[in-house]
């Protein structure tokens, strides 16, 4: 009977905090609006909150979580390749009526600013905080671990886009892994998101 309630479990504090906090932040994003502007909420939830936890709870350098320039030459090379490959794919995907219907309400004169604010936190929490936080315990498996919640956060978007995000999340993670920075997948994602709204929603 004594063994029934005995659990010999050991947890890494940082892994537990990152898993619980990132999950709660994503759920808060789904259920609540704090500023009335989704993009600003996501800066707070996905960028400022993880940065604060890293500084005041983990007391570890932000660069350990990809918040740095990293290998900027390699990063800019990957960014150029991502733009070159992504442009024709986005042009093709934007022909889908479901994509046009979804993205039309998002089109605005300040689109680049709004997509910047919307994605800077997204990329940090997935390709920075979760990826490098999980890396020390799970190694390369962290690439897939961060890609799963990233894909699930696309539920409600057009099926074509959502189905691709498990692979896109992995590739973005790989770029962050190689460059030691979340900045370069952010730049690619920012370009792709802005372009898809222009091509699909700006009709």
N, C-alpha and C. Protein backbone atom coordinates (compact mmCIF):
# COMPACT_ATOMS: atom_id res chain seq x y z
N UNK A 1 0.84 -1.21 0.00
CA UNK A 1 0.00 0.00 0.00
C UNK A 1 0.87 1.26 0.00
N UNK A 2 2.01 1.18 0.71
CA UNK A 2 2.90 2.33 0.78
C UNK A 2 3.45 2.68 -0.60
N UNK A 3 3.74 1.69 -1.43
CA UNK A 3 4.27 1.93 -2.77
C UNK A 3 3.25 2.57 -3.70
N UNK A 4 1.96 2.39 -3.37
CA UNK A 4 0.91 2.93 -4.22
C UNK A 4 0.98 4.46 -4.28
N UNK A 5 1.41 5.08 -3.21
CA UNK A 5 1.45 6.55 -3.14
C UNK A 5 2.87 7.10 -3.14
N UNK A 6 3.81 6.25 -3.51
CA UNK A 6 5.20 6.69 -3.59
C UNK A 6 5.60 6.89 -5.05
N UNK A 7 6.00 8.10 -5.38
CA UNK A 7 6.39 8.40 -6.75
C UNK A 7 7.83 8.90 -6.75
N UNK A 8 8.69 8.14 -7.36
CA UNK A 8 10.10 8.53 -7.42
C UNK A 8 10.33 9.35 -8.69
N UNK A 9 9.93 10.61 -8.63
CA UNK A 9 9.98 11.47 -9.80
C UNK A 9 10.93 12.64 -9.55
N UNK A 10 11.71 12.96 -10.56
CA UNK A 10 12.58 14.12 -10.49
C UNK A 10 12.35 14.99 -11.71
N UNK A 11 12.13 16.27 -11.49
CA UNK A 11 11.84 17.18 -12.57
C UNK A 11 12.88 18.29 -12.63
N UNK A 12 13.16 18.74 -13.84
CA UNK A 12 13.99 19.92 -14.04
C UNK A 12 13.10 21.15 -13.87
N UNK A 13 13.46 22.03 -12.96
CA UNK A 13 12.62 23.19 -12.65
C UNK A 13 12.31 24.02 -13.89
N UNK A 14 13.33 24.31 -14.71
CA UNK A 14 13.13 25.17 -15.87
C UNK A 14 12.18 24.54 -16.88
N UNK A 15 12.30 23.21 -17.08
CA UNK A 15 11.41 22.52 -18.02
C UNK A 15 9.96 22.61 -17.54
N UNK A 16 9.76 22.42 -16.25
CA UNK A 16 8.41 22.48 -15.68
C UNK A 16 7.83 23.88 -15.83
N UNK A 17 8.62 24.89 -15.49
CA UNK A 17 8.14 26.27 -15.57
C UNK A 17 7.83 26.65 -17.01
N UNK A 18 8.72 26.31 -17.94
CA UNK A 18 8.49 26.64 -19.36
C UNK A 18 7.24 25.95 -19.88
N UNK A 19 7.05 24.68 -19.53
CA UNK A 19 5.89 23.93 -20.01
C UNK A 19 4.59 24.50 -19.47
N UNK A 20 4.54 24.72 -18.16
CA UNK A 20 3.30 25.23 -17.55
C UNK A 20 3.04 26.67 -17.98
N UNK A 21 4.06 27.52 -17.90
CA UNK A 21 3.87 28.93 -18.22
C UNK A 21 3.49 29.14 -19.68
N UNK A 22 4.18 28.46 -20.60
CA UNK A 22 3.86 28.64 -22.02
C UNK A 22 2.45 28.15 -22.33
N UNK A 23 2.03 27.05 -21.69
CA UNK A 23 0.66 26.55 -21.89
C UNK A 23 -0.37 27.55 -21.38
N UNK A 24 -0.16 28.07 -20.18
CA UNK A 24 -1.10 29.04 -19.61
C UNK A 24 -1.13 30.33 -20.42
N UNK A 25 0.02 30.75 -20.93
CA UNK A 25 0.05 31.97 -21.75
C UNK A 25 -0.73 31.78 -23.05
N UNK A 26 -0.60 30.62 -23.66
CA UNK A 26 -1.35 30.35 -24.89
C UNK A 26 -2.85 30.26 -24.62
N UNK A 27 -3.22 29.66 -23.49
CA UNK A 27 -4.64 29.59 -23.13
C UNK A 27 -5.19 30.98 -22.82
N UNK A 28 -4.39 31.80 -22.16
CA UNK A 28 -4.82 33.18 -21.88
C UNK A 28 -5.03 33.95 -23.17
N UNK A 29 -4.16 33.71 -24.15
CA UNK A 29 -4.30 34.37 -25.46
C UNK A 29 -5.60 33.95 -26.12
N UNK A 30 -5.96 32.69 -25.96
CA UNK A 30 -7.18 32.18 -26.59
C UNK A 30 -8.45 32.74 -25.93
N UNK A 31 -8.44 32.85 -24.62
CA UNK A 31 -9.67 33.20 -23.89
C UNK A 31 -9.83 34.68 -23.58
N UNK A 32 -8.75 35.45 -23.62
CA UNK A 32 -8.84 36.83 -23.14
C UNK A 32 -8.19 37.84 -24.08
N UNK A 33 -8.68 39.07 -24.00
CA UNK A 33 -8.06 40.22 -24.63
C UNK A 33 -7.80 41.24 -23.54
N UNK A 34 -6.56 41.66 -23.40
CA UNK A 34 -6.17 42.53 -22.30
C UNK A 34 -6.09 44.00 -22.71
N UNK A 35 -5.54 44.25 -23.88
CA UNK A 35 -5.39 45.64 -24.36
C UNK A 35 -6.43 46.01 -25.40
N UNK A 36 -7.14 45.02 -25.90
CA UNK A 36 -8.08 45.27 -26.99
C UNK A 36 -7.45 45.12 -28.35
N UNK A 37 -6.15 44.93 -28.38
CA UNK A 37 -5.42 44.72 -29.64
C UNK A 37 -4.66 43.41 -29.54
N UNK A 38 -5.02 42.45 -30.36
CA UNK A 38 -4.43 41.11 -30.27
C UNK A 38 -2.91 41.14 -30.37
N UNK A 39 -2.39 41.92 -31.30
CA UNK A 39 -0.94 41.96 -31.51
C UNK A 39 -0.21 42.45 -30.26
N UNK A 40 -0.75 43.44 -29.59
CA UNK A 40 -0.12 43.95 -28.37
C UNK A 40 -0.22 42.93 -27.23
N UNK A 41 -1.35 42.26 -27.14
CA UNK A 41 -1.50 41.19 -26.14
C UNK A 41 -0.42 40.14 -26.32
N UNK A 42 -0.13 39.81 -27.57
CA UNK A 42 0.85 38.75 -27.83
C UNK A 42 2.28 39.19 -27.55
N UNK A 43 2.55 40.48 -27.66
CA UNK A 43 3.86 40.99 -27.24
C UNK A 43 4.01 40.79 -25.73
N UNK A 44 2.96 41.08 -24.99
CA UNK A 44 2.99 40.94 -23.53
C UNK A 44 3.10 39.46 -23.14
N UNK A 45 2.24 38.63 -23.73
CA UNK A 45 2.15 37.23 -23.32
C UNK A 45 3.35 36.41 -23.79
N UNK A 46 3.75 36.61 -25.02
CA UNK A 46 4.74 35.71 -25.62
C UNK A 46 6.17 36.25 -25.65
N UNK A 47 6.33 37.54 -25.40
CA UNK A 47 7.68 38.11 -25.37
C UNK A 47 8.03 38.61 -23.97
N UNK A 48 7.26 39.57 -23.46
CA UNK A 48 7.61 40.19 -22.19
C UNK A 48 7.50 39.22 -21.01
N UNK A 49 6.47 38.41 -20.97
CA UNK A 49 6.30 37.48 -19.85
C UNK A 49 7.43 36.44 -19.81
N UNK A 50 7.74 35.75 -20.93
CA UNK A 50 8.87 34.81 -20.87
C UNK A 50 10.21 35.48 -20.56
N UNK A 51 10.42 36.69 -21.09
CA UNK A 51 11.66 37.40 -20.77
C UNK A 51 11.75 37.69 -19.26
N UNK A 52 10.63 38.10 -18.67
CA UNK A 52 10.61 38.39 -17.24
C UNK A 52 10.89 37.13 -16.42
N UNK A 53 10.30 36.02 -16.81
CA UNK A 53 10.55 34.76 -16.09
C UNK A 53 12.01 34.35 -16.21
N UNK A 54 12.58 34.53 -17.40
CA UNK A 54 13.99 34.18 -17.61
C UNK A 54 14.90 35.00 -16.73
N UNK A 55 14.63 36.29 -16.64
CA UNK A 55 15.49 37.20 -15.87
C UNK A 55 15.29 37.04 -14.36
N UNK A 56 14.03 36.99 -13.92
CA UNK A 56 13.76 37.06 -12.48
C UNK A 56 13.57 35.70 -11.80
N UNK A 57 13.22 34.67 -12.58
CA UNK A 57 13.04 33.33 -12.00
C UNK A 57 14.24 32.44 -12.32
N UNK A 58 14.55 32.30 -13.61
CA UNK A 58 15.67 31.45 -13.99
C UNK A 58 17.02 32.10 -13.67
N UNK A 59 17.04 33.45 -13.75
CA UNK A 59 18.29 34.21 -13.57
C UNK A 59 19.39 33.69 -14.50
N UNK A 60 18.99 33.55 -15.76
CA UNK A 60 19.93 33.08 -16.77
C UNK A 60 20.02 34.11 -17.89
N UNK A 61 21.14 34.18 -18.60
CA UNK A 61 21.29 35.15 -19.70
C UNK A 61 20.24 34.92 -20.79
N UNK A 62 19.69 35.99 -21.33
CA UNK A 62 18.67 35.87 -22.37
C UNK A 62 19.23 35.21 -23.63
N UNK A 63 20.52 35.38 -23.87
CA UNK A 63 21.13 34.76 -25.04
C UNK A 63 21.04 33.25 -25.04
N UNK A 64 20.96 32.64 -23.85
CA UNK A 64 20.81 31.19 -23.77
C UNK A 64 19.49 30.72 -24.35
N UNK A 65 18.53 31.62 -24.46
CA UNK A 65 17.21 31.30 -25.01
C UNK A 65 17.01 31.90 -26.40
N UNK A 66 18.11 32.17 -27.09
CA UNK A 66 18.03 32.64 -28.46
C UNK A 66 17.75 34.12 -28.61
N UNK A 67 17.76 34.87 -27.51
CA UNK A 67 17.52 36.31 -27.58
C UNK A 67 18.85 37.02 -27.82
N UNK A 68 19.35 36.89 -29.04
CA UNK A 68 20.64 37.44 -29.42
C UNK A 68 20.74 37.40 -30.95
N UNK A 69 21.75 38.07 -31.50
CA UNK A 69 21.96 38.04 -32.95
C UNK A 69 22.44 36.67 -33.42
N UNK A 70 23.21 35.99 -32.59
CA UNK A 70 23.73 34.69 -32.98
C UNK A 70 24.64 34.78 -34.19
N UNK A 71 24.59 33.75 -35.03
CA UNK A 71 25.38 33.73 -36.26
C UNK A 71 24.62 34.52 -37.33
N UNK A 72 24.86 35.83 -37.36
CA UNK A 72 24.04 36.70 -38.21
C UNK A 72 24.27 36.48 -39.70
N UNK A 73 25.49 36.11 -40.08
CA UNK A 73 25.75 35.84 -41.50
C UNK A 73 24.95 34.63 -41.98
N UNK A 74 25.01 33.56 -41.20
CA UNK A 74 24.22 32.37 -41.55
C UNK A 74 22.74 32.69 -41.47
N UNK A 75 22.35 33.49 -40.47
CA UNK A 75 20.94 33.85 -40.30
C UNK A 75 20.39 34.62 -41.48
N UNK A 76 21.14 35.59 -41.98
CA UNK A 76 20.68 36.36 -43.14
C UNK A 76 20.64 35.49 -44.40
N UNK A 77 21.56 34.53 -44.49
CA UNK A 77 21.52 33.60 -45.63
C UNK A 77 20.25 32.76 -45.59
N UNK A 78 19.93 32.22 -44.41
CA UNK A 78 18.69 31.44 -44.27
C UNK A 78 17.47 32.31 -44.55
N UNK A 79 17.52 33.56 -44.11
CA UNK A 79 16.39 34.46 -44.34
C UNK A 79 16.17 34.69 -45.83
N UNK A 80 17.24 34.91 -46.56
CA UNK A 80 17.13 35.12 -48.01
C UNK A 80 16.59 33.87 -48.69
N UNK A 81 17.06 32.69 -48.27
CA UNK A 81 16.58 31.44 -48.85
C UNK A 81 15.10 31.25 -48.53
N UNK A 82 14.73 31.54 -47.27
CA UNK A 82 13.33 31.39 -46.87
C UNK A 82 12.41 32.30 -47.66
N UNK A 83 12.84 33.53 -47.91
CA UNK A 83 12.04 34.47 -48.70
C UNK A 83 11.92 33.96 -50.14
N UNK A 84 13.01 33.48 -50.71
CA UNK A 84 13.00 33.01 -52.10
C UNK A 84 12.11 31.79 -52.27
N UNK A 85 12.16 30.87 -51.33
CA UNK A 85 11.34 29.66 -51.42
C UNK A 85 9.89 29.95 -51.05
N UNK A 86 9.71 30.80 -50.03
CA UNK A 86 8.36 31.04 -49.52
C UNK A 86 7.48 31.87 -50.44
N UNK A 87 8.06 32.77 -51.21
CA UNK A 87 7.26 33.68 -52.03
C UNK A 87 6.37 32.94 -53.03
N UNK A 88 6.90 32.05 -53.88
CA UNK A 88 6.00 31.35 -54.81
C UNK A 88 5.00 30.43 -54.12
N UNK A 89 5.40 29.85 -52.98
CA UNK A 89 4.47 28.99 -52.25
C UNK A 89 3.30 29.80 -51.71
N UNK A 90 3.60 30.98 -51.15
CA UNK A 90 2.54 31.84 -50.62
C UNK A 90 1.65 32.35 -51.75
N UNK A 91 2.23 32.70 -52.88
CA UNK A 91 1.44 33.14 -54.03
C UNK A 91 0.45 32.05 -54.44
N UNK A 92 0.92 30.80 -54.48
CA UNK A 92 0.04 29.68 -54.84
C UNK A 92 -1.04 29.47 -53.78
N UNK A 93 -0.66 29.47 -52.50
CA UNK A 93 -1.62 29.23 -51.42
C UNK A 93 -2.67 30.33 -51.35
N UNK A 94 -2.30 31.55 -51.72
CA UNK A 94 -3.22 32.69 -51.64
C UNK A 94 -4.36 32.60 -52.64
N UNK A 95 -4.27 31.68 -53.59
CA UNK A 95 -5.36 31.49 -54.55
C UNK A 95 -6.53 30.71 -53.95
N UNK A 96 -6.27 30.07 -52.82
CA UNK A 96 -7.30 29.27 -52.15
C UNK A 96 -8.39 30.19 -51.61
N UNK A 97 -9.65 29.97 -51.97
CA UNK A 97 -10.74 30.83 -51.46
C UNK A 97 -10.83 30.86 -49.94
N UNK A 98 -10.50 29.74 -49.30
CA UNK A 98 -10.54 29.71 -47.84
C UNK A 98 -9.51 30.66 -47.25
N UNK A 99 -8.34 30.73 -47.87
CA UNK A 99 -7.30 31.65 -47.42
C UNK A 99 -7.76 33.09 -47.63
N UNK A 100 -8.39 33.37 -48.75
CA UNK A 100 -8.85 34.72 -49.05
C UNK A 100 -9.93 35.17 -48.07
N UNK A 101 -10.84 34.26 -47.76
CA UNK A 101 -11.92 34.59 -46.83
C UNK A 101 -11.37 34.86 -45.43
N UNK A 102 -10.39 34.07 -45.01
CA UNK A 102 -9.85 34.21 -43.65
C UNK A 102 -9.03 35.49 -43.50
N UNK A 103 -8.21 35.80 -44.51
CA UNK A 103 -7.24 36.89 -44.35
C UNK A 103 -7.75 38.27 -44.78
N UNK A 104 -8.87 38.31 -45.48
CA UNK A 104 -9.37 39.61 -45.93
C UNK A 104 -9.61 40.59 -44.78
N UNK A 105 -10.20 40.15 -43.65
CA UNK A 105 -10.43 41.11 -42.55
C UNK A 105 -9.14 41.60 -41.88
N UNK A 106 -8.02 40.94 -42.13
CA UNK A 106 -6.77 41.32 -41.48
C UNK A 106 -5.99 42.38 -42.25
N UNK A 107 -6.42 42.65 -43.49
CA UNK A 107 -5.70 43.60 -44.32
C UNK A 107 -5.91 45.02 -43.78
N UNK A 108 -4.80 45.78 -43.65
CA UNK A 108 -4.90 47.16 -43.17
C UNK A 108 -3.70 47.96 -43.67
N UNK A 109 -3.79 49.30 -43.64
CA UNK A 109 -2.67 50.14 -44.08
C UNK A 109 -1.42 49.99 -43.21
N UNK A 110 -1.60 49.58 -41.94
CA UNK A 110 -0.44 49.40 -41.06
C UNK A 110 -0.12 47.91 -40.88
N UNK A 111 -0.40 47.14 -41.91
CA UNK A 111 -0.22 45.69 -41.84
C UNK A 111 1.17 45.27 -41.39
N UNK A 112 2.27 45.80 -41.97
CA UNK A 112 3.60 45.34 -41.53
C UNK A 112 3.86 45.54 -40.05
N UNK A 113 3.37 46.65 -39.49
CA UNK A 113 3.55 46.90 -38.06
C UNK A 113 2.76 45.88 -37.24
N UNK A 114 1.53 45.60 -37.63
CA UNK A 114 0.69 44.69 -36.87
C UNK A 114 1.22 43.26 -36.95
N UNK A 115 1.70 42.84 -38.12
CA UNK A 115 2.25 41.50 -38.22
C UNK A 115 3.57 41.39 -37.45
N UNK A 116 4.34 42.48 -37.42
CA UNK A 116 5.57 42.51 -36.62
C UNK A 116 5.24 42.26 -35.15
N UNK A 117 4.30 43.03 -34.61
CA UNK A 117 3.93 42.90 -33.21
C UNK A 117 3.30 41.54 -32.93
N UNK A 118 2.53 41.05 -33.86
CA UNK A 118 1.85 39.77 -33.68
C UNK A 118 2.83 38.62 -33.60
N UNK A 119 3.92 38.69 -34.36
CA UNK A 119 4.81 37.53 -34.50
C UNK A 119 6.08 37.59 -33.67
N UNK A 120 6.51 38.75 -33.23
CA UNK A 120 7.77 38.84 -32.50
C UNK A 120 7.73 37.97 -31.24
N UNK A 121 6.61 38.01 -30.54
CA UNK A 121 6.46 37.18 -29.34
C UNK A 121 6.25 35.72 -29.68
N UNK A 122 5.46 35.47 -30.71
CA UNK A 122 5.23 34.08 -31.16
C UNK A 122 6.55 33.39 -31.43
N UNK A 123 7.40 34.05 -32.19
CA UNK A 123 8.67 33.41 -32.54
C UNK A 123 9.57 33.25 -31.33
N UNK A 124 9.53 34.22 -30.41
CA UNK A 124 10.39 34.06 -29.24
C UNK A 124 9.94 32.90 -28.37
N UNK A 125 8.65 32.77 -28.11
CA UNK A 125 8.22 31.72 -27.18
C UNK A 125 8.44 30.33 -27.76
N UNK A 126 8.27 30.17 -29.08
CA UNK A 126 8.47 28.86 -29.69
C UNK A 126 9.93 28.61 -30.07
N UNK A 127 10.51 29.52 -30.85
CA UNK A 127 11.86 29.31 -31.39
C UNK A 127 12.96 29.84 -30.49
N UNK A 128 12.57 30.45 -29.37
CA UNK A 128 13.55 30.90 -28.41
C UNK A 128 13.37 30.18 -27.08
N UNK A 129 12.34 30.57 -26.37
CA UNK A 129 12.13 30.10 -24.99
C UNK A 129 11.94 28.59 -24.91
N UNK A 130 10.99 28.05 -25.68
CA UNK A 130 10.73 26.62 -25.60
C UNK A 130 11.84 25.80 -26.25
N UNK A 131 12.29 26.22 -27.42
CA UNK A 131 13.31 25.45 -28.13
C UNK A 131 14.59 25.32 -27.30
N UNK A 132 15.14 26.45 -26.87
CA UNK A 132 16.41 26.39 -26.16
C UNK A 132 16.23 25.97 -24.70
N UNK A 133 15.03 26.21 -24.16
CA UNK A 133 14.76 25.73 -22.81
C UNK A 133 14.68 24.21 -22.77
N UNK A 134 14.08 23.61 -23.78
CA UNK A 134 13.96 22.15 -23.86
C UNK A 134 15.26 21.49 -24.34
N UNK A 135 16.07 22.24 -25.05
CA UNK A 135 17.27 21.67 -25.67
C UNK A 135 18.20 21.01 -24.66
N UNK A 136 18.38 21.64 -23.51
CA UNK A 136 19.34 21.11 -22.54
C UNK A 136 18.92 19.75 -21.99
N UNK A 137 17.62 19.46 -21.98
CA UNK A 137 17.11 18.19 -21.45
C UNK A 137 16.81 17.18 -22.55
N UNK A 138 16.30 17.66 -23.69
CA UNK A 138 15.81 16.75 -24.73
C UNK A 138 16.64 16.78 -26.00
N UNK A 139 17.65 17.63 -26.08
CA UNK A 139 18.50 17.69 -27.26
C UNK A 139 17.71 18.06 -28.50
N UNK A 140 18.00 17.39 -29.61
CA UNK A 140 17.37 17.72 -30.89
C UNK A 140 15.86 17.46 -30.89
N UNK A 141 15.37 16.64 -29.97
CA UNK A 141 13.92 16.40 -29.90
C UNK A 141 13.16 17.69 -29.59
N UNK A 142 13.87 18.69 -29.05
CA UNK A 142 13.23 19.98 -28.77
C UNK A 142 12.67 20.61 -30.03
N UNK A 143 13.26 20.29 -31.17
CA UNK A 143 12.77 20.83 -32.45
C UNK A 143 11.33 20.41 -32.70
N UNK A 144 11.01 19.17 -32.39
CA UNK A 144 9.63 18.69 -32.60
C UNK A 144 8.73 19.12 -31.44
N UNK A 145 9.28 19.15 -30.24
CA UNK A 145 8.46 19.51 -29.08
C UNK A 145 7.89 20.91 -29.19
N UNK A 146 8.68 21.85 -29.72
CA UNK A 146 8.16 23.21 -29.87
C UNK A 146 7.26 23.36 -31.08
N UNK A 147 7.40 22.45 -32.05
CA UNK A 147 6.59 22.54 -33.26
C UNK A 147 5.14 22.11 -33.04
N UNK A 148 4.92 21.24 -32.05
CA UNK A 148 3.55 20.73 -31.80
C UNK A 148 2.61 21.82 -31.30
N UNK A 149 2.93 22.52 -30.21
CA UNK A 149 2.02 23.60 -29.80
C UNK A 149 1.91 24.71 -30.84
N UNK A 150 2.99 24.95 -31.57
CA UNK A 150 2.95 25.94 -32.65
C UNK A 150 1.89 25.56 -33.68
N UNK A 151 1.84 24.29 -34.05
CA UNK A 151 0.83 23.83 -35.01
C UNK A 151 -0.58 23.92 -34.42
N UNK A 152 -0.73 23.53 -33.18
CA UNK A 152 -2.05 23.56 -32.54
C UNK A 152 -2.58 24.98 -32.41
N UNK A 153 -1.69 25.95 -32.28
CA UNK A 153 -2.12 27.35 -32.18
C UNK A 153 -2.68 27.87 -33.50
N UNK A 154 -2.54 27.10 -34.57
CA UNK A 154 -3.10 27.50 -35.87
C UNK A 154 -4.50 26.94 -36.10
N UNK A 155 -5.03 26.17 -35.15
CA UNK A 155 -6.39 25.66 -35.31
C UNK A 155 -7.36 26.82 -35.50
N UNK A 156 -8.25 26.67 -36.46
CA UNK A 156 -9.18 27.73 -36.80
C UNK A 156 -8.77 28.47 -38.05
N UNK A 157 -7.49 28.35 -38.42
CA UNK A 157 -7.04 28.93 -39.68
C UNK A 157 -7.36 27.96 -40.82
N UNK A 158 -7.20 28.38 -42.09
CA UNK A 158 -7.48 27.47 -43.20
C UNK A 158 -6.70 26.17 -43.08
N UNK A 159 -7.34 25.07 -43.45
CA UNK A 159 -6.75 23.74 -43.27
C UNK A 159 -5.40 23.60 -43.97
N UNK A 160 -5.30 24.13 -45.17
CA UNK A 160 -4.05 24.03 -45.93
C UNK A 160 -2.89 24.61 -45.13
N UNK A 161 -3.11 25.75 -44.53
CA UNK A 161 -2.06 26.38 -43.74
C UNK A 161 -1.77 25.60 -42.46
N UNK A 162 -2.83 25.22 -41.75
CA UNK A 162 -2.66 24.55 -40.46
C UNK A 162 -1.91 23.23 -40.61
N UNK A 163 -2.24 22.45 -41.64
CA UNK A 163 -1.58 21.16 -41.84
C UNK A 163 -0.09 21.31 -42.09
N UNK A 164 0.33 22.43 -42.62
CA UNK A 164 1.74 22.61 -42.96
C UNK A 164 2.57 23.07 -41.77
N UNK A 165 1.92 23.51 -40.69
CA UNK A 165 2.67 24.20 -39.65
C UNK A 165 3.53 23.28 -38.79
N UNK A 166 3.22 22.00 -38.69
CA UNK A 166 4.09 21.10 -37.94
C UNK A 166 5.46 21.03 -38.61
N UNK A 167 5.45 21.07 -39.95
CA UNK A 167 6.72 21.02 -40.69
C UNK A 167 7.38 22.40 -40.72
N UNK A 168 6.56 23.45 -40.91
CA UNK A 168 7.09 24.80 -40.88
C UNK A 168 7.69 25.15 -39.53
N UNK A 169 7.03 24.70 -38.46
CA UNK A 169 7.54 24.95 -37.12
C UNK A 169 8.88 24.27 -36.89
N UNK A 170 9.01 23.06 -37.44
CA UNK A 170 10.29 22.34 -37.32
C UNK A 170 11.40 23.08 -38.07
N UNK A 171 11.09 23.52 -39.29
CA UNK A 171 12.10 24.23 -40.10
C UNK A 171 12.50 25.54 -39.43
N UNK A 172 11.53 26.30 -38.94
CA UNK A 172 11.84 27.53 -38.21
C UNK A 172 12.72 27.22 -37.00
N UNK A 173 12.39 26.15 -36.30
CA UNK A 173 13.18 25.76 -35.15
C UNK A 173 14.60 25.38 -35.53
N UNK A 174 14.74 24.71 -36.66
CA UNK A 174 16.06 24.31 -37.12
C UNK A 174 16.93 25.52 -37.45
N UNK A 175 16.30 26.53 -38.05
CA UNK A 175 17.04 27.77 -38.35
C UNK A 175 17.49 28.45 -37.06
N UNK A 176 16.61 28.50 -36.07
CA UNK A 176 16.98 29.08 -34.78
C UNK A 176 18.10 28.27 -34.13
N UNK A 177 18.00 26.97 -34.22
CA UNK A 177 19.01 26.06 -33.64
C UNK A 177 20.38 26.32 -34.26
N UNK A 178 20.41 26.43 -35.59
CA UNK A 178 21.68 26.60 -36.30
C UNK A 178 22.29 27.98 -36.06
N UNK A 179 21.45 29.00 -35.94
CA UNK A 179 21.95 30.37 -35.79
C UNK A 179 22.04 30.80 -34.33
N UNK A 180 21.47 30.00 -33.43
CA UNK A 180 21.42 30.30 -31.99
C UNK A 180 20.60 31.56 -31.70
N UNK A 181 19.61 31.81 -32.56
CA UNK A 181 18.79 33.02 -32.41
C UNK A 181 17.40 32.80 -32.97
N UNK A 182 16.40 33.37 -32.30
CA UNK A 182 15.04 33.31 -32.81
C UNK A 182 14.78 34.37 -33.88
N UNK A 183 15.73 35.30 -34.06
CA UNK A 183 15.52 36.45 -34.93
C UNK A 183 15.27 36.07 -36.38
N UNK A 184 15.98 35.10 -36.90
CA UNK A 184 15.92 34.81 -38.33
C UNK A 184 14.65 34.04 -38.73
N UNK A 185 14.20 33.06 -37.94
CA UNK A 185 12.86 32.53 -38.24
C UNK A 185 11.77 33.58 -38.09
N UNK A 186 11.98 34.52 -37.15
CA UNK A 186 11.01 35.62 -37.03
C UNK A 186 10.95 36.44 -38.31
N UNK A 187 12.10 36.81 -38.86
CA UNK A 187 12.12 37.62 -40.08
C UNK A 187 11.42 36.90 -41.23
N UNK A 188 11.67 35.60 -41.36
CA UNK A 188 11.03 34.82 -42.43
C UNK A 188 9.53 34.75 -42.19
N UNK A 189 9.13 34.46 -40.95
CA UNK A 189 7.71 34.33 -40.62
C UNK A 189 6.99 35.66 -40.82
N UNK A 190 7.64 36.75 -40.42
CA UNK A 190 7.06 38.08 -40.58
C UNK A 190 6.81 38.37 -42.06
N UNK A 191 7.78 38.07 -42.90
CA UNK A 191 7.63 38.28 -44.34
C UNK A 191 6.49 37.42 -44.89
N UNK A 192 6.47 36.14 -44.52
CA UNK A 192 5.47 35.22 -45.06
C UNK A 192 4.06 35.63 -44.62
N UNK A 193 3.90 35.95 -43.34
CA UNK A 193 2.59 36.33 -42.83
C UNK A 193 2.09 37.61 -43.50
N UNK A 194 2.96 38.59 -43.63
CA UNK A 194 2.58 39.85 -44.28
C UNK A 194 2.21 39.62 -45.73
N UNK A 195 3.00 38.81 -46.41
CA UNK A 195 2.74 38.55 -47.83
C UNK A 195 1.43 37.82 -48.04
N UNK A 196 1.15 36.83 -47.20
CA UNK A 196 -0.09 36.07 -47.39
C UNK A 196 -1.32 36.95 -47.15
N UNK A 197 -1.23 37.90 -46.19
CA UNK A 197 -2.37 38.81 -45.99
C UNK A 197 -2.53 39.74 -47.18
N UNK A 198 -1.41 40.22 -47.72
CA UNK A 198 -1.47 41.10 -48.90
C UNK A 198 -2.07 40.37 -50.10
N UNK A 199 -1.58 39.16 -50.36
CA UNK A 199 -2.00 38.43 -51.56
C UNK A 199 -3.40 37.82 -51.43
N UNK A 200 -3.69 37.30 -50.24
CA UNK A 200 -4.99 36.64 -50.05
C UNK A 200 -6.06 37.60 -49.54
N UNK A 201 -5.67 38.54 -48.68
CA UNK A 201 -6.67 39.41 -48.07
C UNK A 201 -6.82 40.76 -48.72
N UNK A 202 -5.83 41.17 -49.51
CA UNK A 202 -5.89 42.50 -50.09
C UNK A 202 -6.55 42.55 -51.44
N UNK A 203 -7.39 41.59 -51.74
CA UNK A 203 -8.04 41.53 -53.04
C UNK A 203 -9.28 42.41 -53.05
